[in-house]
Amino acid sequence: MINPPTMETLLTEQAALVLKRFDYAVAWQIGAAIQAAASERNLPIGIEISHGATPVFLALMPGATPDNADWLRRKRAVALRFHQSSLYMRLLCESKDVNFHARYRLPERDFAASGGGVPIFVRDVGVVGAVAVSGLPDVEDHRLVVSALQQLA
């Protein structure tokens, strides 16, 4: 069994996921990699890659629901706002025993501190977008995203 992530391991992981470039073709590569993994394993997930807050790749796999699309949007919002994965933000709030939405005064309808949203960093630029997956337990959503980004970093 894989050890559960810690805040420290997530920070190390994120530092290693910096891309050389990002454009819509790269967004498609990331989305296609996640889609292929989901298809191979019959995972009922939603996938979103965004440039800024604009989705440029969106797919719902068989078994996913429209609710997954809403979770994608909310996880993306966390990754873009905090420049941290949505899983990191969940663990941070749990470590401080605070409610994410109350602490940051953010509405639940627009933000989800649940694993699966990861910011896209470009070397010498910073955050340019986000990758989000929804449909599995949040740590598994996060790992799918990281696996795809590792192929390009």
Protein backbone atom coordinates (compact mmCIF):
# COMPACT_ATOMS: atom_id res chain seq x y z
CA MET A 1 0.00 0.00 0.00
CA ILE A 2 1.22 3.50 -0.82
CA ASN A 3 1.79 5.79 2.13
CA PRO A 4 -0.74 8.61 2.45
CA PRO A 5 0.67 11.95 1.34
CA THR A 6 1.93 14.51 3.81
CA MET A 7 2.15 18.25 3.34
CA GLU A 8 5.93 17.91 3.01
CA THR A 9 5.73 15.21 0.34
CA LEU A 10 3.17 17.26 -1.58
CA LEU A 11 5.46 20.31 -1.54
CA THR A 12 8.39 18.22 -2.79
CA GLU A 13 6.18 16.65 -5.44
CA GLN A 14 4.92 20.04 -6.64
CA ALA A 15 8.47 21.42 -6.93
CA ALA A 16 9.29 18.55 -9.30
CA LEU A 17 6.25 19.13 -11.53
CA VAL A 18 7.34 22.42 -13.12
CA LEU A 19 6.86 22.35 -16.89
CA LYS A 20 9.13 23.94 -19.49
CA ARG A 21 6.13 25.29 -21.37
CA PHE A 22 2.36 25.14 -21.45
CA ASP A 23 -0.02 25.72 -24.31
CA TYR A 24 -3.23 24.13 -25.53
CA ALA A 25 -1.32 21.25 -27.15
CA VAL A 26 0.33 20.47 -23.82
CA ALA A 27 -3.08 20.73 -22.13
CA TRP A 28 -4.35 18.14 -24.60
CA GLN A 29 -1.38 15.85 -23.85
CA ILE A 30 -2.06 16.01 -20.12
CA GLY A 31 -5.78 15.42 -20.58
CA ALA A 32 -5.22 12.57 -23.04
CA ALA A 33 -2.78 10.88 -20.65
CA ILE A 34 -5.31 10.99 -17.82
CA GLN A 35 -8.11 9.89 -20.15
CA ALA A 36 -6.05 6.91 -21.36
CA ALA A 37 -5.28 5.83 -17.79
CA ALA A 38 -8.94 6.21 -16.83
CA SER A 39 -10.11 4.28 -19.88
CA GLU A 40 -7.67 1.44 -19.23
CA ARG A 41 -8.85 1.13 -15.61
CA ASN A 42 -12.57 1.93 -16.27
CA LEU A 43 -12.47 4.91 -13.92
CA PRO A 44 -15.67 7.00 -13.76
CA ILE A 45 -13.95 10.38 -13.56
CA GLY A 46 -14.15 13.90 -14.86
CA ILE A 47 -10.98 15.54 -16.20
CA GLU A 48 -10.32 19.23 -16.71
CA ILE A 49 -7.22 21.11 -17.82
CA SER A 50 -7.42 24.89 -17.66
CA HIS A 51 -5.41 27.82 -18.95
CA GLY A 52 -5.96 30.30 -16.16
CA ALA A 53 -9.57 29.73 -15.20
CA THR A 54 -10.61 28.78 -18.74
CA PRO A 55 -11.13 25.06 -19.38
CA VAL A 56 -9.28 23.96 -22.52
CA PHE A 57 -9.74 20.20 -22.04
CA LEU A 58 -12.81 18.68 -20.44
CA ALA A 59 -13.92 15.06 -20.46
CA LEU A 60 -16.36 12.95 -18.49
CA MET A 61 -15.56 9.27 -18.63
CA PRO A 62 -18.29 6.61 -18.67
CA GLY A 63 -19.88 6.49 -15.24
CA ALA A 64 -19.00 10.09 -14.37
CA THR A 65 -21.86 12.48 -13.68
CA PRO A 66 -22.49 16.21 -14.15
CA ASP A 67 -21.65 16.54 -10.44
CA ASN A 68 -18.05 15.62 -11.30
CA ALA A 69 -17.85 18.67 -13.60
CA ASP A 70 -18.82 20.90 -10.68
CA TRP A 71 -16.17 19.30 -8.46
CA LEU A 72 -13.58 19.91 -11.20
CA ARG A 73 -14.41 23.61 -11.26
CA ARG A 74 -14.23 23.90 -7.47
CA LYS A 75 -10.93 22.00 -7.18
CA ARG A 76 -9.44 24.12 -10.00
CA ALA A 77 -10.47 27.26 -8.12
CA VAL A 78 -8.50 26.16 -5.05
CA ALA A 79 -5.37 25.29 -7.06
CA LEU A 80 -5.44 28.63 -8.87
CA ARG A 81 -6.17 30.74 -5.81
CA PHE A 82 -3.56 29.22 -3.49
CA HIS A 83 -0.95 27.97 -6.00
CA GLN A 84 -1.08 24.69 -4.10
CA SER A 85 -2.87 21.44 -4.77
CA SER A 86 -6.37 21.13 -3.39
CA LEU A 87 -5.12 18.10 -1.44
CA TYR A 88 -2.38 20.19 0.17
CA MET A 89 -4.98 22.78 1.20
CA ARG A 90 -7.17 20.05 2.73
CA LEU A 91 -4.23 18.68 4.73
CA LEU A 92 -3.15 22.18 5.79
CA CYS A 93 -6.58 22.97 7.20
CA GLU A 94 -6.85 19.58 8.87
CA SER A 95 -3.43 20.11 10.50
CA LYS A 96 -4.63 23.41 11.97
CA ASP A 97 -8.06 22.00 12.83
CA VAL A 98 -9.83 24.74 10.85
CA ASN A 99 -12.65 24.67 8.36
CA PHE A 100 -11.27 25.62 4.93
CA HIS A 101 -14.29 27.66 3.87
CA ALA A 102 -14.56 29.55 7.15
CA ARG A 103 -10.82 30.19 7.43
CA TYR A 104 -10.49 31.68 3.94
CA ARG A 105 -14.04 33.08 3.71
CA LEU A 106 -14.74 31.17 0.53
CA PRO A 107 -18.13 29.80 -0.51
CA GLU A 108 -18.48 26.01 -0.68
CA ARG A 109 -20.29 26.34 -3.99
CA ASP A 110 -17.11 27.73 -5.60
CA PHE A 111 -14.17 26.07 -3.78
CA ALA A 112 -13.39 22.46 -2.77
CA ALA A 113 -10.33 21.64 -0.69
CA SER A 114 -10.42 18.01 -1.74
CA GLY A 115 -7.62 16.26 -3.60
CA GLY A 116 -7.58 16.30 -7.38
CA GLY A 117 -6.81 19.93 -8.26
CA VAL A 118 -3.16 20.71 -9.06
CA PRO A 119 -1.74 24.02 -10.30
CA ILE A 120 0.31 24.00 -13.51
CA PHE A 121 3.63 25.77 -13.00
CA VAL A 122 5.86 26.83 -15.90
CA ARG A 123 9.55 27.46 -15.24
CA ASP A 124 10.36 31.19 -14.93
CA VAL A 125 6.65 32.06 -15.31
CA GLY A 126 4.65 30.65 -12.39
CA VAL A 127 1.11 29.29 -12.31
CA VAL A 128 -0.58 29.28 -15.72
CA GLY A 129 -3.49 26.93 -15.15
CA ALA A 130 -4.59 23.79 -13.34
CA VAL A 131 -5.38 20.13 -13.80
CA ALA A 132 -8.36 18.65 -12.00
CA VAL A 133 -9.76 15.14 -11.66
CA SER A 134 -12.93 14.14 -9.83
CA GLY A 135 -14.70 10.85 -9.27
CA LEU A 136 -12.42 8.76 -7.04
CA PRO A 137 -11.32 9.19 -3.43
CA ASP A 138 -9.47 12.49 -3.38
CA VAL A 139 -5.96 11.08 -2.90
CA GLU A 140 -6.49 8.84 -5.95
CA ASP A 141 -7.75 11.83 -7.97
CA HIS A 142 -4.57 13.68 -6.98
CA ARG A 143 -2.31 10.77 -7.93
CA LEU A 144 -3.85 10.53 -11.41
CA VAL A 145 -3.05 14.20 -12.01
CA VAL A 146 0.50 13.89 -10.71
CA SER A 147 1.16 10.80 -12.82
CA ALA A 148 0.21 12.69 -15.98
CA LEU A 149 2.24 15.78 -15.07
CA GLN A 150 5.30 13.66 -14.28
CA GLN A 151 5.33 12.48 -17.89
CA LEU A 152 5.90 16.07 -19.05
CA ALA A 153 7.95 17.65 -16.24
